[in-house]
Amino acid sequence: MKMKLQAPNHKFQVYIGVGSNLGDRNGNCVRALEKMRWNKSINVIAVSKWRETEAITLNDEKQFSYINGAIKISTDLAPHELLNVLQNIERELGRDNKHPRCSARTIDLDILFFDDLVVAESDLVIPHPDIQKRKFVLEPLCDIEPELIHPVLKKGVRALLREARKR
C-alpha cells in the first residue's frame, strides 16, 4: 500500500458500511454510530437512512434480513488504525470475528472508501470488494454522496447503482 505523504493534521474522507442482522439490528447500528462519534479521532459528517435488506448467504443458511447504512467520516487515522478501531467496536457490540464469510452478525463495519486510496492486502482491501454489485451498499452511499467516484472503476456511486439495479 502506498500512502500519500500528508500535511500534519490531514483529515481523510472515509465511507463506512454498517450492517446488522442479529438481535436489535437497528439498535446495533445506532450503537456503532454512537461509538464512532465518541472516538476523538473520528468526526461523523453524514449518515444515510437505515434500510432493511435481504441477507446474502454462501450456503443454504437461513438468516434474518439486515439493517444497512453508510456513514461518512473524517479522520486522521491511517487505514489500519481505523480498521482496528472498527474491529474493536464490532467486538464491543458482540461480534465474533471467527465467523464464516457472509454469516449472521450483530454488527458489520466495513471501510468502503478511504479518500481515493487503493489497498490490496490480506487483512484490508479498499475500495471494498464487489461494492459495484451491492445495492445494499450503493443505495446508502447515494444518500450521502451520490457523486463519489470509485477510484478504480472511475464511476460515481449513482452510476454504479443504476448498473447494479439492471442486473
N, C-alpha and C. Protein backbone atom coordinates (compact mmCIF):
# COMPACT_ATOMS: atom_id res chain seq x y z
N MET A 1 0.85 -1.17 0.00
CA MET A 1 0.00 0.00 0.00
C MET A 1 0.89 1.23 0.00
N LYS A 2 0.58 2.16 -0.87
CA LYS A 2 1.29 3.44 -0.89
C LYS A 2 0.40 4.50 -0.30
N MET A 3 0.89 5.16 0.71
CA MET A 3 0.15 6.26 1.32
C MET A 3 0.79 7.56 0.86
N LYS A 4 -0.03 8.50 0.45
CA LYS A 4 0.49 9.81 0.12
C LYS A 4 0.98 10.47 1.40
N LEU A 5 2.07 11.20 1.30
CA LEU A 5 2.50 11.97 2.46
C LEU A 5 1.52 13.11 2.65
N GLN A 6 1.03 13.25 3.84
CA GLN A 6 0.02 14.26 4.14
C GLN A 6 0.59 15.29 5.09
N ALA A 7 0.06 16.47 5.00
CA ALA A 7 0.43 17.51 5.94
C ALA A 7 -0.03 17.10 7.33
N PRO A 8 0.63 17.59 8.37
CA PRO A 8 0.17 17.26 9.73
C PRO A 8 -1.30 17.65 9.88
N ASN A 9 -2.02 16.85 10.65
CA ASN A 9 -3.44 17.08 10.92
C ASN A 9 -4.32 16.92 9.69
N HIS A 10 -3.84 16.24 8.65
CA HIS A 10 -4.68 15.99 7.47
C HIS A 10 -5.83 15.08 7.87
N LYS A 11 -7.00 15.40 7.38
CA LYS A 11 -8.19 14.59 7.64
C LYS A 11 -8.56 13.84 6.37
N PHE A 12 -8.67 12.53 6.48
CA PHE A 12 -9.11 11.69 5.37
C PHE A 12 -10.63 11.63 5.34
N GLN A 13 -11.21 11.58 4.16
CA GLN A 13 -12.65 11.36 4.00
C GLN A 13 -12.85 9.85 3.80
N VAL A 14 -13.64 9.26 4.68
CA VAL A 14 -13.82 7.81 4.68
C VAL A 14 -15.31 7.49 4.72
N TYR A 15 -15.69 6.43 4.02
CA TYR A 15 -17.07 5.96 3.98
C TYR A 15 -17.09 4.56 4.57
N ILE A 16 -17.99 4.37 5.53
CA ILE A 16 -18.06 3.10 6.26
C ILE A 16 -19.44 2.49 6.04
N GLY A 17 -19.46 1.21 5.67
CA GLY A 17 -20.71 0.47 5.57
C GLY A 17 -21.05 -0.12 6.92
N VAL A 18 -22.33 -0.09 7.28
CA VAL A 18 -22.80 -0.59 8.57
C VAL A 18 -23.91 -1.59 8.29
N GLY A 19 -23.86 -2.74 8.97
CA GLY A 19 -24.93 -3.72 8.81
C GLY A 19 -25.09 -4.57 10.06
N SER A 20 -26.32 -5.04 10.28
CA SER A 20 -26.62 -5.92 11.41
C SER A 20 -27.81 -6.79 11.05
N ASN A 21 -27.73 -8.10 11.40
CA ASN A 21 -28.91 -8.95 11.22
C ASN A 21 -29.14 -9.90 12.39
N LEU A 22 -28.56 -9.59 13.54
CA LEU A 22 -28.81 -10.36 14.76
C LEU A 22 -29.19 -9.42 15.90
N GLY A 23 -30.13 -9.86 16.71
CA GLY A 23 -30.52 -9.07 17.88
C GLY A 23 -31.27 -7.82 17.47
N ASP A 24 -31.04 -6.74 18.20
CA ASP A 24 -31.66 -5.45 17.92
C ASP A 24 -30.89 -4.81 16.77
N ARG A 25 -31.26 -5.15 15.55
CA ARG A 25 -30.49 -4.75 14.37
C ARG A 25 -30.34 -3.23 14.26
N ASN A 26 -31.43 -2.51 14.38
CA ASN A 26 -31.37 -1.05 14.30
C ASN A 26 -30.54 -0.49 15.46
N GLY A 27 -30.79 -1.01 16.66
CA GLY A 27 -30.05 -0.56 17.84
C GLY A 27 -28.56 -0.83 17.71
N ASN A 28 -28.19 -1.97 17.13
CA ASN A 28 -26.76 -2.28 16.93
C ASN A 28 -26.11 -1.25 16.02
N CYS A 29 -26.80 -0.87 14.94
CA CYS A 29 -26.25 0.12 14.01
C CYS A 29 -26.12 1.48 14.69
N VAL A 30 -27.13 1.86 15.46
CA VAL A 30 -27.09 3.15 16.15
C VAL A 30 -25.98 3.16 17.20
N ARG A 31 -25.82 2.06 17.94
CA ARG A 31 -24.74 2.00 18.95
C ARG A 31 -23.36 2.07 18.30
N ALA A 32 -23.19 1.43 17.14
CA ALA A 32 -21.91 1.52 16.43
C ALA A 32 -21.64 2.97 16.02
N LEU A 33 -22.66 3.65 15.52
CA LEU A 33 -22.54 5.06 15.15
C LEU A 33 -22.16 5.90 16.37
N GLU A 34 -22.81 5.66 17.50
CA GLU A 34 -22.50 6.41 18.73
C GLU A 34 -21.05 6.18 19.15
N LYS A 35 -20.58 4.95 19.07
CA LYS A 35 -19.20 4.65 19.45
C LYS A 35 -18.21 5.36 18.53
N MET A 36 -18.55 5.48 17.24
CA MET A 36 -17.69 6.24 16.33
C MET A 36 -17.67 7.71 16.75
N ARG A 37 -18.84 8.23 17.09
CA ARG A 37 -18.93 9.65 17.49
C ARG A 37 -18.12 9.92 18.76
N TRP A 38 -18.03 8.95 19.65
CA TRP A 38 -17.29 9.12 20.90
C TRP A 38 -15.78 9.08 20.69
N ASN A 39 -15.32 8.55 19.56
CA ASN A 39 -13.89 8.46 19.30
C ASN A 39 -13.35 9.82 18.88
N LYS A 40 -12.35 10.32 19.58
CA LYS A 40 -11.81 11.66 19.31
C LYS A 40 -11.13 11.78 17.95
N SER A 41 -10.76 10.65 17.34
CA SER A 41 -10.09 10.68 16.04
C SER A 41 -11.08 10.58 14.87
N ILE A 42 -12.36 10.48 15.18
CA ILE A 42 -13.39 10.33 14.14
C ILE A 42 -14.39 11.47 14.26
N ASN A 43 -14.66 12.11 13.13
CA ASN A 43 -15.70 13.13 13.05
C ASN A 43 -16.77 12.62 12.08
N VAL A 44 -17.95 12.32 12.59
CA VAL A 44 -19.04 11.85 11.74
C VAL A 44 -19.61 13.04 10.99
N ILE A 45 -19.63 12.95 9.66
CA ILE A 45 -20.09 14.04 8.80
C ILE A 45 -21.52 13.80 8.32
N ALA A 46 -21.82 12.57 7.92
CA ALA A 46 -23.15 12.27 7.37
C ALA A 46 -23.51 10.82 7.63
N VAL A 47 -24.82 10.58 7.76
CA VAL A 47 -25.33 9.23 7.99
C VAL A 47 -26.50 9.02 7.03
N SER A 48 -26.49 7.89 6.35
CA SER A 48 -27.59 7.55 5.44
C SER A 48 -28.82 7.12 6.21
N LYS A 49 -29.91 6.89 5.49
CA LYS A 49 -31.07 6.23 6.08
C LYS A 49 -30.68 4.78 6.35
N TRP A 50 -31.30 4.18 7.37
CA TRP A 50 -31.13 2.74 7.60
C TRP A 50 -32.14 2.03 6.72
N ARG A 51 -31.70 0.94 6.08
CA ARG A 51 -32.56 0.18 5.16
C ARG A 51 -32.56 -1.29 5.55
N GLU A 52 -33.71 -1.91 5.39
CA GLU A 52 -33.79 -3.35 5.59
C GLU A 52 -33.51 -4.02 4.25
N THR A 53 -32.57 -4.97 4.25
CA THR A 53 -32.17 -5.64 3.01
C THR A 53 -32.06 -7.14 3.26
N GLU A 54 -32.22 -7.88 2.20
CA GLU A 54 -32.13 -9.33 2.28
C GLU A 54 -30.68 -9.75 2.53
N ALA A 55 -30.51 -10.78 3.36
CA ALA A 55 -29.17 -11.28 3.66
C ALA A 55 -28.61 -12.03 2.45
N ILE A 56 -27.30 -11.87 2.23
CA ILE A 56 -26.59 -12.63 1.21
C ILE A 56 -25.92 -13.80 1.92
N THR A 57 -26.18 -15.01 1.45
CA THR A 57 -25.57 -16.19 2.07
C THR A 57 -24.79 -16.97 1.03
N LEU A 58 -23.78 -17.69 1.49
CA LEU A 58 -22.98 -18.53 0.60
C LEU A 58 -23.46 -19.97 0.61
N ASN A 59 -24.35 -20.29 1.50
CA ASN A 59 -24.89 -21.64 1.56
C ASN A 59 -26.41 -21.53 1.76
N ASP A 60 -27.03 -22.58 2.20
CA ASP A 60 -28.49 -22.55 2.39
C ASP A 60 -28.90 -22.05 3.77
N GLU A 61 -27.96 -21.47 4.51
CA GLU A 61 -28.27 -20.97 5.85
C GLU A 61 -29.37 -19.91 5.80
N LYS A 62 -30.39 -20.09 6.61
CA LYS A 62 -31.48 -19.11 6.70
C LYS A 62 -31.04 -18.00 7.66
N GLN A 63 -31.14 -16.76 7.20
CA GLN A 63 -30.75 -15.62 8.03
C GLN A 63 -31.85 -14.56 8.02
N PHE A 64 -31.89 -13.79 9.10
CA PHE A 64 -32.75 -12.63 9.15
C PHE A 64 -32.22 -11.59 8.17
N SER A 65 -33.08 -10.71 7.72
CA SER A 65 -32.64 -9.63 6.84
C SER A 65 -31.78 -8.65 7.64
N TYR A 66 -31.04 -7.85 6.92
CA TYR A 66 -30.12 -6.88 7.51
C TYR A 66 -30.75 -5.50 7.62
N ILE A 67 -30.24 -4.73 8.55
CA ILE A 67 -30.37 -3.28 8.53
C ILE A 67 -29.02 -2.79 8.03
N ASN A 68 -29.01 -2.00 6.96
CA ASN A 68 -27.77 -1.49 6.37
C ASN A 68 -27.82 0.02 6.25
N GLY A 69 -26.64 0.61 6.29
CA GLY A 69 -26.50 2.04 6.10
C GLY A 69 -25.05 2.38 5.79
N ALA A 70 -24.80 3.66 5.61
CA ALA A 70 -23.44 4.14 5.35
C ALA A 70 -23.20 5.41 6.16
N ILE A 71 -21.95 5.58 6.53
CA ILE A 71 -21.54 6.73 7.33
C ILE A 71 -20.32 7.37 6.67
N LYS A 72 -20.35 8.69 6.54
CA LYS A 72 -19.20 9.44 6.06
C LYS A 72 -18.52 10.06 7.27
N ILE A 73 -17.20 9.85 7.37
CA ILE A 73 -16.43 10.43 8.47
C ILE A 73 -15.21 11.14 7.92
N SER A 74 -14.62 11.97 8.76
CA SER A 74 -13.26 12.44 8.51
C SER A 74 -12.44 11.95 9.69
N THR A 75 -11.19 11.61 9.41
CA THR A 75 -10.33 11.07 10.44
C THR A 75 -8.87 11.34 10.09
N ASP A 76 -8.04 11.39 11.11
CA ASP A 76 -6.60 11.48 10.89
C ASP A 76 -5.95 10.11 11.05
N LEU A 77 -6.76 9.08 11.29
CA LEU A 77 -6.24 7.72 11.44
C LEU A 77 -5.83 7.16 10.08
N ALA A 78 -4.76 6.38 10.06
CA ALA A 78 -4.36 5.64 8.87
C ALA A 78 -5.33 4.48 8.68
N PRO A 79 -5.38 3.90 7.48
CA PRO A 79 -6.35 2.83 7.22
C PRO A 79 -6.34 1.68 8.22
N HIS A 80 -5.17 1.15 8.56
CA HIS A 80 -5.13 0.03 9.51
C HIS A 80 -5.51 0.47 10.93
N GLU A 81 -5.19 1.71 11.29
CA GLU A 81 -5.62 2.22 12.60
C GLU A 81 -7.14 2.30 12.67
N LEU A 82 -7.76 2.80 11.60
CA LEU A 82 -9.21 2.87 11.56
C LEU A 82 -9.82 1.47 11.58
N LEU A 83 -9.24 0.55 10.83
CA LEU A 83 -9.71 -0.83 10.84
C LEU A 83 -9.70 -1.39 12.26
N ASN A 84 -8.64 -1.14 13.01
CA ASN A 84 -8.57 -1.62 14.40
C ASN A 84 -9.67 -1.01 15.26
N VAL A 85 -9.93 0.29 15.09
CA VAL A 85 -11.00 0.96 15.84
C VAL A 85 -12.33 0.30 15.52
N LEU A 86 -12.61 0.09 14.23
CA LEU A 86 -13.88 -0.51 13.82
C LEU A 86 -14.03 -1.94 14.33
N GLN A 87 -12.94 -2.71 14.29
CA GLN A 87 -13.00 -4.09 14.80
C GLN A 87 -13.22 -4.11 16.31
N ASN A 88 -12.66 -3.14 17.02
CA ASN A 88 -12.91 -3.04 18.47
C ASN A 88 -14.38 -2.73 18.74
N ILE A 89 -14.96 -1.84 17.96
CA ILE A 89 -16.39 -1.53 18.11
C ILE A 89 -17.21 -2.79 17.85
N GLU A 90 -16.87 -3.52 16.80
CA GLU A 90 -17.59 -4.77 16.50
C GLU A 90 -17.52 -5.74 17.68
N ARG A 91 -16.34 -5.90 18.25
CA ARG A 91 -16.20 -6.80 19.40
C ARG A 91 -17.02 -6.32 20.60
N GLU A 92 -16.98 -5.00 20.86
CA GLU A 92 -17.75 -4.43 21.97
C GLU A 92 -19.25 -4.68 21.80
N LEU A 93 -19.70 -4.76 20.56
CA LEU A 93 -21.12 -4.98 20.28
C LEU A 93 -21.45 -6.46 20.08
N GLY A 94 -20.50 -7.34 20.44
CA GLY A 94 -20.79 -8.77 20.45
C GLY A 94 -20.48 -9.55 19.19
N ARG A 95 -19.74 -8.97 18.27
CA ARG A 95 -19.41 -9.71 17.05
C ARG A 95 -18.30 -10.70 17.32
N ASP A 96 -18.49 -11.90 16.82
CA ASP A 96 -17.47 -12.94 16.89
C ASP A 96 -16.69 -12.89 15.58
N ASN A 97 -15.41 -12.57 15.64
CA ASN A 97 -14.62 -12.44 14.42
C ASN A 97 -14.18 -13.77 13.82
N LYS A 98 -14.62 -14.86 14.42
CA LYS A 98 -14.26 -16.17 13.88
C LYS A 98 -15.44 -16.78 13.12
N HIS A 99 -16.25 -15.93 12.52
CA HIS A 99 -17.43 -16.39 11.79
C HIS A 99 -17.08 -16.64 10.33
N PRO A 100 -17.80 -17.54 9.68
CA PRO A 100 -17.60 -17.73 8.24
C PRO A 100 -18.06 -16.49 7.46
N ARG A 101 -17.51 -16.31 6.29
CA ARG A 101 -17.88 -15.20 5.43
C ARG A 101 -19.39 -15.25 5.14
N CYS A 102 -20.02 -14.11 5.12
CA CYS A 102 -21.46 -13.94 4.84
C CYS A 102 -22.36 -14.61 5.88
N SER A 103 -21.86 -14.82 7.09
CA SER A 103 -22.70 -15.39 8.14
C SER A 103 -23.40 -14.26 8.91
N ALA A 104 -24.39 -14.64 9.71
CA ALA A 104 -25.13 -13.66 10.51
C ALA A 104 -24.18 -12.98 11.50
N ARG A 105 -24.49 -11.71 11.83
CA ARG A 105 -23.64 -10.97 12.77
C ARG A 105 -24.42 -9.85 13.45
N THR A 106 -23.98 -9.54 14.65
CA THR A 106 -24.62 -8.44 15.38
C THR A 106 -24.28 -7.11 14.73
N ILE A 107 -23.07 -6.97 14.23
CA ILE A 107 -22.66 -5.72 13.58
C ILE A 107 -21.54 -6.02 12.59
N ASP A 108 -21.56 -5.30 11.50
CA ASP A 108 -20.53 -5.40 10.48
C ASP A 108 -20.17 -3.98 10.08
N LEU A 109 -18.91 -3.61 10.25
CA LEU A 109 -18.42 -2.28 9.89
C LEU A 109 -17.31 -2.45 8.86
N ASP A 110 -17.54 -1.94 7.67
CA ASP A 110 -16.58 -2.09 6.57
C ASP A 110 -16.13 -0.73 6.06
N ILE A 111 -14.83 -0.61 5.84
CA ILE A 111 -14.30 0.58 5.18
C ILE A 111 -14.61 0.41 3.69
N LEU A 112 -15.48 1.27 3.17
CA LEU A 112 -15.87 1.19 1.76
C LEU A 112 -14.90 1.95 0.88
N PHE A 113 -14.66 3.21 1.24
CA PHE A 113 -13.72 4.08 0.53
C PHE A 113 -12.92 4.85 1.57
N PHE A 114 -11.66 5.12 1.26
CA PHE A 114 -10.76 5.88 2.13
C PHE A 114 -10.05 6.88 1.25
N ASP A 115 -10.58 8.12 1.18
CA ASP A 115 -10.14 9.09 0.17
C ASP A 115 -10.15 8.37 -1.18
N ASP A 116 -9.12 8.52 -1.98
CA ASP A 116 -9.05 7.79 -3.24
C ASP A 116 -7.99 6.68 -3.17
N LEU A 117 -7.72 6.24 -1.95
CA LEU A 117 -6.72 5.22 -1.71
C LEU A 117 -7.17 3.86 -2.24
N VAL A 118 -6.21 3.10 -2.76
CA VAL A 118 -6.44 1.73 -3.20
C VAL A 118 -5.48 0.85 -2.40
N VAL A 119 -6.04 -0.11 -1.67
CA VAL A 119 -5.26 -1.02 -0.82
C VAL A 119 -5.68 -2.44 -1.16
N ALA A 120 -4.70 -3.32 -1.33
CA ALA A 120 -4.99 -4.74 -1.56
C ALA A 120 -4.02 -5.55 -0.70
N GLU A 121 -4.44 -5.80 0.53
CA GLU A 121 -3.64 -6.57 1.47
C GLU A 121 -4.48 -7.70 2.02
N SER A 122 -3.85 -8.65 2.66
CA SER A 122 -4.60 -9.82 3.15
C SER A 122 -5.66 -9.45 4.19
N ASP A 123 -5.41 -8.40 4.97
CA ASP A 123 -6.35 -8.03 6.03
C ASP A 123 -7.18 -6.79 5.72
N LEU A 124 -6.93 -6.16 4.58
CA LEU A 124 -7.65 -4.92 4.26
C LEU A 124 -7.64 -4.69 2.75
N VAL A 125 -8.83 -4.53 2.19
CA VAL A 125 -8.98 -4.21 0.77
C VAL A 125 -9.87 -2.97 0.67
N ILE A 126 -9.32 -1.93 0.03
CA ILE A 126 -10.04 -0.68 -0.19
C ILE A 126 -9.85 -0.28 -1.65
N PRO A 127 -10.90 0.07 -2.37
CA PRO A 127 -12.30 0.06 -2.00
C PRO A 127 -12.77 -1.36 -1.68
N HIS A 128 -13.85 -1.41 -0.91
CA HIS A 128 -14.37 -2.71 -0.50
C HIS A 128 -14.70 -3.53 -1.75
N PRO A 129 -14.32 -4.81 -1.77
CA PRO A 129 -14.53 -5.64 -2.97
C PRO A 129 -16.01 -5.78 -3.34
N ASP A 130 -16.27 -5.82 -4.60
CA ASP A 130 -17.61 -6.04 -5.17
C ASP A 130 -18.63 -4.97 -4.79
N ILE A 131 -18.17 -3.83 -4.37
CA ILE A 131 -19.08 -2.74 -3.99
C ILE A 131 -20.03 -2.40 -5.16
N GLN A 132 -19.52 -2.50 -6.38
CA GLN A 132 -20.32 -2.14 -7.55
C GLN A 132 -21.48 -3.09 -7.81
N LYS A 133 -21.50 -4.24 -7.15
CA LYS A 133 -22.58 -5.21 -7.33
C LYS A 133 -23.59 -5.18 -6.18
N ARG A 134 -23.33 -4.40 -5.16
CA ARG A 134 -24.11 -4.47 -3.93
C ARG A 134 -25.00 -3.25 -3.74
N LYS A 135 -26.26 -3.43 -4.11
CA LYS A 135 -27.23 -2.34 -3.96
C LYS A 135 -27.36 -1.92 -2.50
N PHE A 136 -27.21 -2.89 -1.57
CA PHE A 136 -27.36 -2.57 -0.15
C PHE A 136 -26.24 -1.68 0.36
N VAL A 137 -25.17 -1.55 -0.40
CA VAL A 137 -24.08 -0.62 -0.07
C VAL A 137 -24.24 0.67 -0.88
N LEU A 138 -24.55 0.54 -2.15
CA LEU A 138 -24.63 1.71 -3.03
C LEU A 138 -25.80 2.63 -2.70
N GLU A 139 -26.94 2.06 -2.33
CA GLU A 139 -28.10 2.91 -2.01
C GLU A 139 -27.82 3.84 -0.84
N PRO A 140 -27.29 3.33 0.29
CA PRO A 140 -26.96 4.26 1.38
C PRO A 140 -25.87 5.26 1.01
N LEU A 141 -24.89 4.83 0.21
CA LEU A 141 -23.86 5.77 -0.23
C LEU A 141 -24.47 6.91 -1.05
N CYS A 142 -25.46 6.57 -1.87
CA CYS A 142 -26.13 7.61 -2.67
C CYS A 142 -26.88 8.60 -1.80
N ASP A 143 -27.34 8.17 -0.63
CA ASP A 143 -27.99 9.10 0.29
C ASP A 143 -27.05 10.23 0.69
N ILE A 144 -25.77 9.89 0.88
CA ILE A 144 -24.85 10.86 1.46
C ILE A 144 -23.83 11.43 0.48
N GLU A 145 -23.54 10.71 -0.61
CA GLU A 145 -22.52 11.20 -1.55
C GLU A 145 -22.70 10.55 -2.92
N PRO A 146 -23.77 10.91 -3.65
CA PRO A 146 -24.09 10.23 -4.91
C PRO A 146 -23.05 10.41 -6.01
N GLU A 147 -22.26 11.45 -5.94
CA GLU A 147 -21.25 11.69 -6.98
C GLU A 147 -19.86 11.19 -6.59
N LEU A 148 -19.76 10.50 -5.48
CA LEU A 148 -18.48 9.93 -5.06
C LEU A 148 -17.95 9.01 -6.16
N ILE A 149 -16.70 9.18 -6.53
CA ILE A 149 -16.10 8.41 -7.63
C ILE A 149 -15.32 7.23 -7.07
N HIS A 150 -15.61 6.05 -7.60
CA HIS A 150 -14.86 4.84 -7.27
C HIS A 150 -13.46 5.01 -7.85
N PRO A 151 -12.39 4.93 -7.04
CA PRO A 151 -11.05 5.25 -7.52
C PRO A 151 -10.47 4.24 -8.52
N VAL A 152 -11.04 3.07 -8.61
CA VAL A 152 -10.56 2.07 -9.58
C VAL A 152 -11.45 2.07 -10.82
N LEU A 153 -12.76 2.02 -10.61
CA LEU A 153 -13.71 1.94 -11.73
C LEU A 153 -13.95 3.28 -12.41
N LYS A 154 -13.59 4.38 -11.71
CA LYS A 154 -13.74 5.75 -12.24
C LYS A 154 -15.18 6.06 -12.60
N LYS A 155 -16.11 5.56 -11.79
CA LYS A 155 -17.53 5.85 -11.96
C LYS A 155 -18.08 6.31 -10.63
N GLY A 156 -19.12 7.16 -10.68
CA GLY A 156 -19.78 7.62 -9.47
C GLY A 156 -20.67 6.53 -8.90
N VAL A 157 -20.94 6.62 -7.59
CA VAL A 157 -21.75 5.58 -6.95
C VAL A 157 -23.18 5.58 -7.51
N ARG A 158 -23.71 6.72 -7.93
CA ARG A 158 -25.05 6.75 -8.53
C ARG A 158 -25.07 5.93 -9.83
N ALA A 159 -24.04 6.10 -10.66
CA ALA A 159 -23.96 5.33 -11.90
C ALA A 159 -23.78 3.84 -11.60
N LEU A 160 -22.99 3.52 -10.59
CA LEU A 160 -22.80 2.12 -10.21
C LEU A 160 -24.12 1.51 -9.71
N LEU A 161 -24.90 2.29 -8.98
CA LEU A 161 -26.18 1.81 -8.51
C LEU A 161 -27.14 1.55 -9.68
N ARG A 162 -27.18 2.46 -10.64
CA ARG A 162 -28.02 2.23 -11.83
C ARG A 162 -27.64 0.91 -12.51
N GLU A 163 -26.34 0.67 -12.66
CA GLU A 163 -25.88 -0.56 -13.30
C GLU A 163 -26.24 -1.78 -12.46
N ALA A 164 -26.10 -1.68 -11.15
CA ALA A 164 -26.40 -2.81 -10.26
C ALA A 164 -27.89 -3.15 -10.31
N ARG A 165 -28.74 -2.15 -10.43
CA ARG A 165 -30.20 -2.38 -10.49
C ARG A 165 -30.60 -3.09 -11.78
N LYS A 166 -29.80 -2.99 -12.82
CA LYS A 166 -30.10 -3.65 -14.11
C LYS A 166 -29.78 -5.14 -14.07
N ARG A 167 -28.97 -5.58 -13.11
CA ARG A 167 -28.58 -6.99 -13.04
C ARG A 167 -29.69 -7.84 -12.53
